Structure formats: structure tokens, C-alpha cells
Amino acid sequence: MVSQNKTNKNYENRFVVFLEKKIFMDEIYNPSILSSQRSLCEDVVSALSKLQNHFSLVIVNDAITEDVFSDEYLNSILMECGIEISFTSKEMVSIGDPFIDHSSILEVIEQFSQINSIPPERRYLMQSGLKVSFFSELSHHGTETFLPKTLTFSFHNYSDLVSWILLHPKPSHNLLKTLLAGAKIIQEGGLVAFPTETVYGLGADATNQCAVEKIFTAKKRPLYDPLIVHVSNRDQMLLLVTELPKKAEMLITQFWPGPLTIVLPKSSLVPEIVTSGYPSVAIRMPSNPLALELIRLSQKPIAAPSANRFGYTSPTTAKHVVEQLEGEYDVIIDGGGCVVGIESTVISFLGEMPRILRPGGIDQKAIESCIGKVLLGQQETNEDTSTSPGMLPSHYATSTPLQIVEDFNDYTTRRDVGVLCFGKSEHVFVGPVEYLSPSANPAEAAKRLYQAMRKLDSLSLSLLVVKLLPETGIGIAVNNRLMKAAGSPSVVQ
């Protein structure tokens, strides 16, 4: 039996944060480190310390991590850090082996909660990979809702994760209230900042010219740069276009909802301000359930570019939006961090052959596996490719100059230079470094790109340097953003 910091735990009227045991396996367990030298990282300790002041903390036992280290061992480390915590095994032991008949962590939480009278609305689950799930009644709000019974949000760091939990003590109620307020604002011609899987958007009713004008004003965006219209279903999309080629329909079936935007001839329902006067419109269906529910509740297609000042680094958290656009929107919906992290792929069906105008979350190989050969950028065309947003040579920029380099050797001793590294580096830097993906995973690098750029940009440095990723998959899209942020595709030798 584990020695608990407090016995006879009373969960009545308490909110409970359940913690996946794998969090601690990721943070503590490393075969190359002696057991006596293992400890929790400072970020985790700080997060748990803040949470325990407001919530009961309970570690969810599971058979896999139990084989790695015992409750006794983990509890001893937590107690040394001043963390008061309980384990599901303490309560579950009374009904036998805590792992029998429980195929998932959610089932263990459900059983534990029944024993201790913890209703769904007072439960959070903190998971490995900087994720938080909560158990809501949001899905009961209408039969057509896009909101599942369990919503999971991702975050860039433990600080953001804890801040979100503390700001949302009743997450189901808070989110539903904000979604309803946001939908009403859209219907009334106002602006709503909301999360998608790619980046946060600044949205308005796409059929309301006056509302859309507010987007351009808030962002200081030039009127010649068109917007993407977001829809929540296929029927809504069909009202906005005059034709739907077979190959476009194939892509919609395969990749919607998701980070793919399709450019098609527009209908008269779409005001010219949305398309910058072009006879075509860019449309996508986001996969983020909050975005889909906002569109559903408003009953309007929503025109939405990224929720930041025009030309600057895109926002992947609500905090990023506030930093640049506070006061410019009527409602902001905080859905944690964006899981893709860079903008959608844009593909045009205006020419004889489909053409990718902007690389993004869906790569060329995946598209061609669905519909066959497509063209890329300016390849073999006289077609006007400015029908898509994000086509300007300079975009996504930091305030600090960003330079693409071939080697970091000249920058290792400079304290005034920030370094963006894709994977692990053999260099030792005296200046600040942000690792996009220690495991050199391009998808992880994409997810962290804008967050890392913003973090370095906030340090009042003279220069930021980065090396391009391998030119494959989503790495192509990451490189596209880096080259536009640098204002040049050239590499400093």
C-alpha cells in the first residue's frame, strides 16, 4: 500500500485533476539515469504545485507504467517535491486488482469517480504529450453538435496547460457560454477569434460585407489579399460555389474536415471583399470541434484569416491572439494550442490541372495519392496564383530579423542571436535556443514552429537563425513559412 500524504481523502465538491501515469514515465524514467538521480523536471513540479492549490490530484494507475515504476517509488519523488497526490489504486484495491476489467484509463477514472461521487463536470484528465481532457455535457446541446462527450486540448508547455485549467474551472459551462456568445456576435456582424487545428482565426460572417471589412481593419490587412471561408458541412459549401469538379469532391471526401483549402468559382452569395475581387473563393472545413460548433451555431459560413497583425507570425494559442489583437475582436474562444500549427494547404481547381498554391498541413504526396498529378506554385502556368492568401513573398514574420543559414558555427558564441533547431544539435550555444523537435519529427516541428518563433522574438535579440528542414512531407510547408518569414528564399552560406 502506498504511503499517502493525506488519508481519508474527501472529494466532495472538489474538482479533480486525474494524471496519466505516463506523464511521469516520460519525465522521470530514463534507463541511462540511475534511480537515485531521477527527478521531476522543474516545469512539471511548478505545474503540479499550482494545481494542488485548487484541485485534488489523482494519478491513474495502469498496468503498463506499473511495470516501469511502482506507486511507492513515484510517491516518494512527489513528496520530496512537496506535491500532495493520491492514486486510483488506493481506492480500487477494495474491489480487487485495479487493472482487471478496465481496458482504458477512462474506465478506471469512471470507476474511481463512482466510488468517490465525482461527477463528470468536476473531472479533468492531464495526459502525456501536454494534453488535457475534460468530461462534459456539451454533446447534449443539440443532436447535431460537433462537440464530443470528451474534449481534448493540446498545449505548447506546462505553463499554458495549467493556466488554461485555472481559467476554466467549469470548462463545459465556460466553453458553451463562449460558443453561444460567439455565434451571436457572428450573426450580428461582429468579430470572433477562435481556434482551428492549423492556427487561430479572426472570423466574421462571410456573407456580410460590412462584417468582413472589420477583419481587414483589425488586422491592418490589405484588401488585395483574399480570405478563406470556413464551413461546417458540404451543403454550406455548395451554396458558395458554382461548380464542384470531381477531383475536388474526391479531396473533400478524403481530407475534410482538415487542413485543406480548395479554390473554386464563387457564387453570388460571396461578397467580392472576401475574394479581393476575384471570381473564385477559397473554402475549407476545419477539424477543430470548437470551430465547427461555432459555424454550426451561427448558421453562417465564416471568413477567417489568421488572428494576428498582417504579415506577422501566426497565432497558435489564444494568448498569441491577445498579444497582437486585444480590443479588436468581440469574443475570443480559448481552445488551447493548435495541433497542426501551420496554415492549411491551398489547392486551386481554376485551371486545367489542380494546382497547389500554398503548401500546408496536407502534403503533395497525399494529395496526388488521391487524385493523381497536381502542379505546384508557378509551375507551367499563366494562371493568377494570387487568388489564395499567404502568397506574398514576405509573410509570417518576426519583429526580430530572421535569417536562414547553412551552418550554426558562426552563431554559437553570440548571446544576441536566437537559434531555431529542428532536431538535436552537436553545437553548444551561449544564446537562447528553441528545439522544434528533439526527435527530428517534421510534424512536431510544424506544431511548435510559431510558438518557438514568438518565444525567441520576445527576447529583444539582434537576430534569429534557422536551418531549413528536409524538403519532404510537411517539412516543405515549414520551409515555406521560414523563407517567407525571412523575406528571402536564399540561404546564408
Protein backbone atom coordinates (compact mmCIF):
# COMPACT_ATOMS: atom_id res chain seq x y z
CA MET A 1 0.00 0.00 0.00
CA VAL A 2 1.29 3.45 -0.92
CA SER A 3 2.00 5.86 1.95
CA GLN A 4 -0.25 8.82 1.17
CA ASN A 5 0.36 12.39 2.23
CA LYS A 6 -3.20 12.55 3.49
CA THR A 7 -5.60 9.76 4.37
CA ASN A 8 -9.41 9.53 4.05
CA LYS A 9 -9.44 11.82 1.04
CA ASN A 10 -12.74 13.65 0.64
CA TYR A 11 -13.59 14.57 -2.97
CA GLU A 12 -17.00 16.06 -2.19
CA ASN A 13 -17.45 19.37 -4.02
CA ARG A 14 -13.82 19.21 -5.21
CA PHE A 15 -12.64 19.41 -8.79
CA VAL A 16 -10.23 16.58 -9.55
CA VAL A 17 -7.33 16.52 -11.99
CA PHE A 18 -6.54 12.93 -12.90
CA LEU A 19 -2.97 12.47 -14.12
CA GLU A 20 -1.95 9.81 -16.62
CA LYS A 21 0.95 7.93 -15.07
CA LYS A 22 2.79 8.03 -18.39
CA ILE A 23 3.44 11.75 -17.78
CA PHE A 24 5.83 10.78 -15.03
CA MET A 25 7.32 7.93 -17.03
CA ASP A 26 8.16 10.43 -19.80
CA GLU A 27 9.58 12.97 -17.35
CA ILE A 28 11.38 10.65 -14.90
CA TYR A 29 12.15 7.31 -16.44
CA ASN A 30 15.35 7.16 -18.43
CA PRO A 31 17.36 3.92 -18.47
CA SER A 32 20.61 5.90 -18.72
CA ILE A 33 19.98 7.66 -15.39
CA LEU A 34 20.49 5.96 -12.03
CA SER A 35 17.32 5.64 -9.97
CA SER A 36 18.81 7.74 -7.19
CA GLN A 37 19.41 10.60 -9.64
CA ARG A 38 15.96 10.69 -11.28
CA SER A 39 13.71 13.64 -10.55
CA LEU A 40 10.80 15.60 -11.95
CA CYS A 41 11.63 18.50 -14.23
CA GLU A 42 11.01 21.98 -12.86
CA ASP A 43 8.13 22.66 -15.27
CA VAL A 44 6.17 19.62 -14.04
CA VAL A 45 6.79 20.43 -10.37
CA SER A 46 5.66 24.03 -10.91
CA ALA A 47 2.53 22.86 -12.75
CA LEU A 48 1.53 20.37 -10.07
CA SER A 49 2.25 22.86 -7.28
CA LYS A 50 -0.13 25.40 -8.82
CA LEU A 51 -2.82 22.81 -9.48
CA GLN A 52 -2.78 21.30 -5.98
CA ASN A 53 -3.75 24.67 -4.52
CA HIS A 54 -7.10 24.46 -6.31
CA PHE A 55 -7.73 20.82 -7.21
CA SER A 56 -7.37 17.30 -5.85
CA LEU A 57 -4.67 15.45 -7.82
CA VAL A 58 -5.06 11.73 -8.52
CA ILE A 59 -2.68 9.55 -10.53
CA VAL A 60 -4.45 6.96 -12.69
CA ASN A 61 -2.79 3.56 -12.37
CA ASP A 62 -2.41 1.35 -15.41
CA ALA A 63 -0.66 -1.95 -15.96
CA ILE A 64 1.93 -0.66 -18.44
CA THR A 65 3.50 2.04 -16.30
CA GLU A 66 3.18 -0.09 -13.16
CA ASP A 67 5.80 -2.37 -14.74
CA VAL A 68 8.17 0.62 -15.06
CA PHE A 69 7.95 2.03 -11.56
CA SER A 70 5.73 1.44 -8.56
CA ASP A 71 3.38 3.81 -6.79
CA GLU A 72 5.71 3.81 -3.79
CA TYR A 73 8.66 4.97 -5.89
CA LEU A 74 6.68 7.68 -7.68
CA ASN A 75 5.02 8.90 -4.50
CA SER A 76 8.38 9.27 -2.78
CA ILE A 77 9.60 11.56 -5.59
CA LEU A 78 6.43 13.63 -5.48
CA MET A 79 6.56 14.01 -1.71
CA GLU A 80 10.15 15.28 -1.97
CA CYS A 81 8.81 17.96 -4.31
CA GLY A 82 6.03 18.91 -1.89
CA ILE A 83 3.27 17.51 -4.10
CA GLU A 84 0.23 16.04 -2.32
CA ILE A 85 -1.29 13.34 -4.51
CA SER A 86 -3.45 10.23 -4.46
CA PHE A 87 -3.51 7.08 -6.57
CA THR A 88 -6.53 5.31 -8.03
CA SER A 89 -5.09 2.02 -6.75
CA LYS A 90 -5.69 3.07 -3.14
CA GLU A 91 -9.45 3.25 -3.73
CA MET A 92 -9.66 0.48 -6.32
CA VAL A 93 -7.88 -2.16 -4.27
CA SER A 94 -11.07 -2.75 -2.30
CA ILE A 95 -12.71 -4.22 -5.42
CA GLY A 96 -9.74 -6.39 -6.41
CA ASP A 97 -6.94 -5.92 -8.94
CA PRO A 98 -7.18 -2.29 -10.12
CA PHE A 99 -6.47 -3.29 -13.73
CA ILE A 100 -8.94 -6.17 -14.11
CA ASP A 101 -11.88 -5.41 -16.45
CA HIS A 102 -10.53 -1.95 -17.25
CA SER A 103 -9.39 -1.71 -20.88
CA SER A 104 -8.80 2.03 -20.76
CA ILE A 105 -7.73 4.82 -18.45
CA LEU A 106 -11.16 6.41 -18.91
CA GLU A 107 -12.80 3.30 -17.47
CA VAL A 108 -10.52 3.43 -14.43
CA ILE A 109 -11.43 7.10 -13.94
CA GLU A 110 -15.13 6.28 -14.27
CA GLN A 111 -14.95 3.52 -11.66
CA PHE A 112 -12.90 5.67 -9.28
CA SER A 113 -15.30 8.58 -9.74
CA GLN A 114 -18.32 6.42 -8.98
CA ILE A 115 -16.71 5.20 -5.77
CA ASN A 116 -15.93 8.77 -4.71
CA SER A 117 -19.04 10.53 -6.10
CA ILE A 118 -17.12 12.76 -8.54
CA PRO A 119 -19.49 13.87 -11.34
CA PRO A 120 -18.18 14.24 -14.92
CA GLU A 121 -18.23 18.03 -14.84
CA ARG A 122 -15.68 18.05 -12.00
CA ARG A 123 -13.11 15.83 -13.72
CA TYR A 124 -10.06 16.70 -15.82
CA LEU A 125 -7.52 14.26 -17.26
CA MET A 126 -3.97 15.53 -17.72
CA GLN A 127 -2.19 13.33 -20.27
CA SER A 128 1.29 12.85 -21.63
CA GLY A 129 2.12 14.98 -24.65
CA LEU A 130 0.81 18.15 -22.92
CA LYS A 131 -2.88 17.31 -23.33
CA VAL A 132 -5.92 17.88 -21.13
CA SER A 133 -9.27 16.15 -21.49
CA PHE A 134 -12.46 17.03 -19.69
CA PHE A 135 -15.73 15.26 -19.44
CA SER A 136 -18.60 17.41 -20.47
CA GLU A 137 -22.27 17.75 -21.16
CA LEU A 138 -21.50 19.84 -24.26
CA SER A 139 -22.52 17.00 -26.56
CA HIS A 140 -26.05 17.18 -25.16
CA HIS A 141 -26.53 20.63 -26.68
CA GLY A 142 -28.48 19.55 -29.72
CA THR A 143 -28.33 16.34 -31.74
CA GLU A 144 -26.23 17.95 -34.49
CA THR A 145 -23.45 19.19 -32.24
CA PHE A 146 -19.80 18.67 -33.20
CA LEU A 147 -18.74 18.54 -29.56
CA PRO A 148 -17.86 15.07 -28.22
CA LYS A 149 -18.52 13.90 -24.66
CA THR A 150 -14.80 14.09 -24.00
CA LEU A 151 -12.94 17.10 -25.37
CA THR A 152 -9.13 17.03 -25.53
CA PHE A 153 -6.98 20.14 -25.89
CA SER A 154 -3.25 20.29 -26.62
CA PHE A 155 -0.76 22.83 -25.26
CA HIS A 156 2.76 24.03 -26.04
CA ASN A 157 4.04 23.85 -22.47
CA TYR A 158 3.01 23.06 -18.89
CA SER A 159 2.57 26.73 -18.05
CA ASP A 160 -0.07 27.18 -20.78
CA LEU A 161 -1.77 23.93 -19.75
CA VAL A 162 -2.10 24.92 -16.09
CA SER A 163 -3.19 28.46 -16.94
CA TRP A 164 -5.99 27.07 -19.11
CA ILE A 165 -7.26 24.76 -16.35
CA LEU A 166 -7.18 27.55 -13.77
CA LEU A 167 -9.05 29.90 -16.10
CA HIS A 168 -11.70 27.26 -16.86
CA PRO A 169 -12.87 25.85 -13.51
CA LYS A 170 -16.10 24.76 -15.21
CA PRO A 171 -14.82 24.05 -18.73
CA SER A 172 -18.07 22.67 -20.19
CA HIS A 173 -20.10 25.61 -18.96
CA ASN A 174 -17.40 28.16 -19.86
CA LEU A 175 -16.96 26.88 -23.42
CA LEU A 176 -20.65 26.54 -24.18
CA LYS A 177 -21.30 30.06 -22.91
CA THR A 178 -18.45 31.44 -25.05
CA LEU A 179 -19.53 29.49 -28.15
CA LEU A 180 -23.09 30.78 -27.86
CA ALA A 181 -21.83 34.33 -27.37
CA GLY A 182 -19.50 33.94 -30.35
CA ALA A 183 -22.28 32.63 -32.59
CA LYS A 184 -24.49 35.57 -31.65
CA ILE A 185 -21.65 38.00 -32.44
CA ILE A 186 -21.15 36.41 -35.88
CA GLN A 187 -24.87 36.75 -36.61
CA GLU A 188 -24.77 40.40 -35.55
CA GLY A 189 -21.80 41.26 -37.79
CA GLY A 190 -19.03 41.22 -35.20
CA LEU A 191 -15.63 39.51 -34.97
CA VAL A 192 -14.74 36.30 -33.12
CA ALA A 193 -11.25 34.89 -32.56
CA PHE A 194 -11.42 31.10 -32.49
CA PRO A 195 -9.14 28.04 -32.68
CA THR A 196 -8.75 25.72 -35.63
CA GLU A 197 -6.38 22.79 -35.97
CA THR A 198 -4.00 24.97 -38.01
CA VAL A 199 -3.87 28.43 -36.37
CA TYR A 200 -6.32 30.75 -34.58
CA GLY A 201 -8.64 32.62 -36.92
CA LEU A 202 -10.32 36.02 -36.78
CA GLY A 203 -13.80 35.33 -38.10
CA ALA A 204 -16.85 37.15 -39.42
CA ASP A 205 -19.98 36.23 -41.36
CA ALA A 206 -18.62 35.58 -44.86
CA THR A 207 -21.88 36.76 -46.46
CA ASN A 208 -21.84 40.14 -44.66
CA GLN A 209 -19.64 42.70 -46.43
CA CYS A 210 -19.59 45.14 -43.52
CA ALA A 211 -18.58 42.40 -41.09
CA VAL A 212 -15.77 41.21 -43.37
CA GLU A 213 -14.46 44.78 -43.70
CA LYS A 214 -13.86 44.72 -39.93
CA ILE A 215 -11.40 41.82 -40.38
CA PHE A 216 -9.25 43.85 -42.77
CA THR A 217 -9.35 46.84 -40.43
CA ALA A 218 -8.50 44.84 -37.30
CA LYS A 219 -5.56 43.06 -38.94
CA LYS A 220 -4.43 46.06 -40.99
CA ARG A 221 -4.67 43.65 -43.90
CA PRO A 222 -4.58 44.96 -47.48
CA LEU A 223 -7.80 44.47 -49.42
CA TYR A 224 -5.95 42.70 -52.24
CA ASP A 225 -5.25 39.64 -50.04
CA PRO A 226 -8.27 37.27 -50.15
CA LEU A 227 -9.72 35.34 -47.22
CA ILE A 228 -10.55 31.68 -46.62
CA VAL A 229 -14.18 30.84 -45.87
CA HIS A 230 -14.81 28.13 -43.26
CA VAL A 231 -17.84 25.84 -43.42
CA SER A 232 -19.20 23.07 -41.21
CA ASN A 233 -20.81 20.86 -43.84
CA ARG A 234 -20.83 20.11 -47.55
CA ASP A 235 -24.23 21.70 -48.21
CA GLN A 236 -23.00 25.01 -46.78
CA MET A 237 -20.00 24.85 -49.12
CA LEU A 238 -22.16 24.17 -52.21
CA LEU A 239 -24.04 27.44 -51.67
CA LEU A 240 -20.77 29.35 -52.04
CA VAL A 241 -19.58 27.89 -55.37
CA THR A 242 -20.92 27.49 -58.90
CA GLU A 243 -19.23 24.19 -59.68
CA LEU A 244 -17.51 21.29 -57.95
CA PRO A 245 -15.09 19.27 -60.12
CA LYS A 246 -14.93 15.53 -59.48
CA LYS A 247 -11.33 15.68 -58.26
CA ALA A 248 -12.18 18.46 -55.82
CA GLU A 249 -15.01 16.32 -54.48
CA MET A 250 -12.59 13.42 -54.06
CA LEU A 251 -10.26 15.59 -51.97
CA ILE A 252 -13.17 16.83 -49.86
CA THR A 253 -14.22 13.25 -49.17
CA GLN A 254 -10.68 12.25 -48.25
CA PHE A 255 -9.39 15.25 -46.28
CA TRP A 256 -12.35 17.22 -44.89
CA PRO A 257 -12.66 18.16 -42.15
CA GLY A 258 -8.96 19.02 -42.07
CA PRO A 259 -6.17 21.41 -43.12
CA LEU A 260 -7.03 21.58 -46.84
CA THR A 261 -8.43 24.65 -48.63
CA ILE A 262 -9.98 24.35 -52.09
CA VAL A 263 -10.28 27.26 -54.54
CA LEU A 264 -13.38 27.12 -56.76
CA PRO A 265 -15.51 29.56 -58.82
CA LYS A 266 -17.61 31.55 -56.37
CA SER A 267 -21.36 32.10 -56.27
CA SER A 268 -23.06 35.49 -55.91
CA LEU A 269 -23.56 34.77 -52.19
CA VAL A 270 -19.89 35.56 -51.55
CA PRO A 271 -19.12 39.32 -51.43
CA GLU A 272 -16.19 40.49 -53.54
CA ILE A 273 -14.36 41.80 -50.48
CA VAL A 274 -13.90 38.19 -49.31
CA THR A 275 -12.17 37.21 -52.56
CA SER A 276 -10.40 40.54 -53.22
CA GLY A 277 -12.46 40.93 -56.37
CA TYR A 278 -11.52 37.55 -57.85
CA PRO A 279 -14.31 35.36 -59.27
CA SER A 280 -13.18 32.44 -57.08
CA VAL A 281 -13.39 31.60 -53.39
CA ALA A 282 -11.11 29.61 -51.07
CA ILE A 283 -13.07 27.25 -48.78
CA ARG A 284 -12.20 24.72 -46.12
CA MET A 285 -13.86 22.70 -43.36
CA PRO A 286 -11.76 22.79 -40.17
CA SER A 287 -11.48 19.69 -37.99
CA ASN A 288 -11.37 21.52 -34.64
CA PRO A 289 -14.73 20.77 -32.95
CA LEU A 290 -14.94 24.26 -31.42
CA ALA A 291 -14.56 25.85 -34.86
CA LEU A 292 -17.17 23.54 -36.36
CA GLU A 293 -19.59 24.17 -33.50
CA LEU A 294 -19.17 27.95 -33.80
CA ILE A 295 -20.03 27.75 -37.50
CA ARG A 296 -23.00 25.45 -36.78
CA LEU A 297 -24.41 27.63 -34.02
CA SER A 298 -24.02 30.83 -36.04
CA GLN A 299 -25.57 29.21 -39.11
CA LYS A 300 -23.15 31.27 -41.19
CA PRO A 301 -20.06 30.44 -43.25
CA ILE A 302 -17.20 32.22 -41.51
CA ALA A 303 -14.47 34.14 -43.36
CA ALA A 304 -11.33 33.95 -41.24
CA PRO A 305 -7.65 34.69 -41.82
CA SER A 306 -5.14 34.12 -39.02
CA ALA A 307 -5.88 36.20 -35.91
CA ASN A 308 -2.76 38.39 -35.92
CA ARG A 309 -1.42 41.61 -37.40
CA PHE A 310 -0.99 41.21 -41.12
CA GLY A 311 2.38 39.85 -42.19
CA TYR A 312 3.47 38.73 -38.74
CA THR A 313 3.84 35.34 -37.07
CA SER A 314 0.58 33.39 -36.92
CA PRO A 315 -1.07 32.64 -33.54
CA THR A 316 -1.37 29.08 -32.23
CA THR A 317 -2.79 29.97 -28.79
CA ALA A 318 -5.40 32.41 -27.52
CA LYS A 319 -2.60 34.22 -25.69
CA HIS A 320 -0.89 34.91 -29.03
CA VAL A 321 -4.12 36.48 -30.31
CA VAL A 322 -4.44 38.71 -27.26
CA GLU A 323 -0.84 39.89 -27.64
CA GLN A 324 -1.47 41.35 -31.09
CA LEU A 325 -5.21 41.94 -31.43
CA GLU A 326 -6.61 42.64 -27.96
CA GLY A 327 -9.51 45.04 -28.31
CA GLU A 328 -10.04 44.26 -32.00
CA TYR A 329 -12.48 41.33 -31.55
CA ASP A 330 -15.75 40.92 -29.67
CA VAL A 331 -15.26 37.37 -28.35
CA ILE A 332 -12.29 35.02 -28.09
CA ILE A 333 -12.67 31.25 -27.72
CA ASP A 334 -9.71 29.64 -25.95
CA GLY A 335 -9.22 26.08 -27.21
CA GLY A 336 -5.63 25.55 -26.11
CA GLY A 337 -2.85 25.10 -28.67
CA CYS A 338 -3.34 24.28 -32.35
CA VAL A 339 -2.46 20.66 -33.16
CA VAL A 340 -1.17 21.16 -36.74
CA GLY A 341 0.43 24.55 -36.09
CA ILE A 342 0.78 25.88 -39.64
CA GLU A 343 -1.81 27.01 -42.13
CA SER A 344 -3.77 24.77 -44.47
CA THR A 345 -2.67 23.55 -47.87
CA VAL A 346 -4.41 25.55 -50.62
CA ILE A 347 -5.22 23.84 -53.93
CA SER A 348 -6.85 25.58 -56.90
CA PHE A 349 -9.23 24.00 -59.42
CA LEU A 350 -9.42 27.06 -61.66
CA GLY A 351 -7.02 25.79 -64.32
CA GLU A 352 -6.87 22.69 -66.48
CA MET A 353 -4.94 20.80 -63.81
CA PRO A 354 -5.23 21.13 -60.00
CA ARG A 355 -2.51 23.36 -58.58
CA ILE A 356 -1.15 23.62 -55.03
CA LEU A 357 -0.87 27.36 -54.35
CA ARG A 358 0.36 27.08 -50.76
CA PRO A 359 1.90 24.04 -49.04
CA GLY A 360 0.43 23.23 -45.66
CA GLY A 361 -0.92 20.51 -43.40
CA ILE A 362 -1.66 18.08 -46.26
CA ASP A 363 1.39 17.37 -48.42
CA GLN A 364 1.59 16.95 -52.19
CA LYS A 365 2.21 13.21 -51.98
CA ALA A 366 -1.01 12.65 -50.02
CA ILE A 367 -3.00 14.76 -52.49
CA GLU A 368 -1.57 13.00 -55.53
CA SER A 369 -2.29 9.60 -53.99
CA CYS A 370 -5.94 10.68 -54.01
CA ILE A 371 -6.42 12.50 -57.35
CA GLY A 372 -3.24 11.95 -59.37
CA LYS A 373 -0.72 14.54 -60.59
CA VAL A 374 -1.02 18.15 -59.45
CA LEU A 375 1.05 21.22 -60.25
CA LEU A 376 2.93 23.24 -57.67
CA GLY A 377 3.12 27.03 -57.34
CA GLN A 378 4.07 28.82 -60.55
CA GLN A 379 4.91 25.58 -62.37
CA GLU A 380 3.75 25.52 -66.03
CA THR A 381 1.23 28.33 -65.75
CA ASN A 382 -0.02 31.71 -66.76
CA GLU A 383 -2.72 31.27 -64.10
CA ASP A 384 -3.07 34.04 -61.49
CA THR A 385 -1.96 32.37 -58.24
CA SER A 386 -2.81 35.42 -56.09
CA THR A 387 -6.34 34.02 -55.63
CA SER A 388 -5.08 32.44 -52.40
CA PRO A 389 -4.00 34.02 -49.10
CA GLY A 390 -0.39 33.59 -47.98
CA MET A 391 1.04 34.10 -51.46
CA LEU A 392 3.00 37.30 -50.77
CA PRO A 393 6.82 36.95 -50.74
CA SER A 394 7.08 38.27 -47.17
CA HIS A 395 4.76 36.85 -44.51
CA TYR A 396 4.65 35.15 -41.06
CA ALA A 397 7.48 37.46 -39.97
CA THR A 398 9.01 38.02 -36.54
CA SER A 399 9.90 41.55 -35.42
CA THR A 400 13.48 40.34 -34.94
CA PRO A 401 15.23 39.72 -38.30
CA LEU A 402 15.20 36.02 -39.23
CA GLN A 403 17.98 34.53 -41.33
CA ILE A 404 18.19 31.10 -42.95
CA VAL A 405 21.69 29.65 -42.60
CA GLU A 406 23.53 26.59 -43.80
CA ASP A 407 25.54 26.17 -40.59
CA PHE A 408 25.29 27.42 -37.00
CA ASN A 409 29.09 27.68 -36.43
CA ASP A 410 29.22 31.47 -36.70
CA TYR A 411 26.47 31.95 -34.12
CA THR A 412 27.35 29.62 -31.23
CA THR A 413 29.13 32.32 -29.18
CA ARG A 414 26.67 35.15 -29.77
CA ARG A 415 24.34 35.89 -26.87
CA ASP A 416 22.31 38.28 -29.02
CA VAL A 417 21.32 35.57 -31.52
CA GLY A 418 18.43 33.17 -31.04
CA VAL A 419 18.63 29.74 -32.69
CA LEU A 420 15.79 27.61 -34.04
CA CYS A 421 16.94 23.98 -34.22
CA PHE A 422 14.97 21.26 -36.00
CA GLY A 423 16.47 18.31 -34.09
CA LYS A 424 19.27 17.81 -31.60
CA SER A 425 22.44 19.75 -32.34
CA GLU A 426 26.09 18.97 -31.61
CA HIS A 427 26.69 22.69 -31.10
CA VAL A 428 26.78 24.38 -27.70
CA PHE A 429 25.10 27.79 -27.87
CA VAL A 430 25.58 30.64 -25.41
CA GLY A 431 22.45 32.37 -26.73
CA PRO A 432 18.85 31.14 -26.42
CA VAL A 433 17.83 28.03 -28.37
CA GLU A 434 14.42 26.62 -29.25
CA TYR A 435 14.27 22.98 -30.40
CA LEU A 436 11.37 22.48 -32.81
CA SER A 437 11.55 18.71 -32.39
CA PRO A 438 14.26 16.93 -30.36
CA SER A 439 13.34 13.73 -32.21
CA ALA A 440 13.54 15.49 -35.62
CA ASN A 441 9.84 14.88 -36.33
CA PRO A 442 8.63 17.31 -39.04
CA ALA A 443 5.00 17.24 -37.79
CA GLU A 444 6.12 18.15 -34.27
CA ALA A 445 8.32 20.90 -35.73
CA ALA A 446 5.34 22.31 -37.61
CA LYS A 447 3.21 22.28 -34.46
CA ARG A 448 5.86 24.16 -32.45
CA LEU A 449 7.16 26.49 -35.18
CA TYR A 450 5.20 29.68 -34.49
CA GLN A 451 5.33 29.23 -30.72
CA ALA A 452 9.14 28.90 -30.88
CA MET A 453 9.47 31.88 -33.23
CA ARG A 454 7.35 34.03 -30.93
CA LYS A 455 9.29 32.98 -27.84
CA LEU A 456 12.65 33.95 -29.34
CA ASP A 457 11.14 37.10 -30.83
CA SER A 458 10.16 38.27 -27.34
CA LEU A 459 13.76 38.26 -26.04
CA SER A 460 14.96 41.54 -27.65
CA LEU A 461 17.66 39.78 -29.69
CA SER A 462 19.57 41.12 -32.69
CA LEU A 463 18.96 38.15 -34.96
CA LEU A 464 17.24 34.77 -35.24
CA VAL A 465 18.84 31.98 -37.30
CA VAL A 466 17.44 28.69 -38.54
CA LYS A 467 18.36 25.85 -40.87
CA LEU A 468 15.73 24.52 -43.27
CA LEU A 469 14.12 21.13 -42.68
CA PRO A 470 14.46 18.21 -45.12
CA GLU A 471 12.33 19.12 -48.14
CA THR A 472 9.76 16.32 -47.73
CA GLY A 473 6.24 15.99 -46.37
CA ILE A 474 5.10 18.77 -44.06
CA GLY A 475 8.75 19.92 -43.94
CA ILE A 476 8.09 21.60 -47.29
CA ALA A 477 5.36 23.73 -45.68
CA VAL A 478 7.57 24.58 -42.69
CA ASN A 479 10.35 25.69 -45.04
CA ASN A 480 7.85 27.80 -46.99
CA ARG A 481 6.89 29.65 -43.79
CA LEU A 482 10.53 30.13 -42.76
CA MET A 483 11.54 31.52 -46.16
CA LYS A 484 8.61 33.95 -46.17
CA ALA A 485 9.36 34.97 -42.57
CA ALA A 486 12.95 35.65 -43.59
CA GLY A 487 11.70 37.61 -46.60
CA SER A 488 14.04 35.65 -48.87
CA PRO A 489 14.48 32.06 -50.06
CA SER A 490 18.27 32.47 -50.09
CA VAL A 491 20.48 30.69 -47.56
CA VAL A 492 23.44 32.41 -45.90
CA GLN A 493 26.50 30.27 -46.54
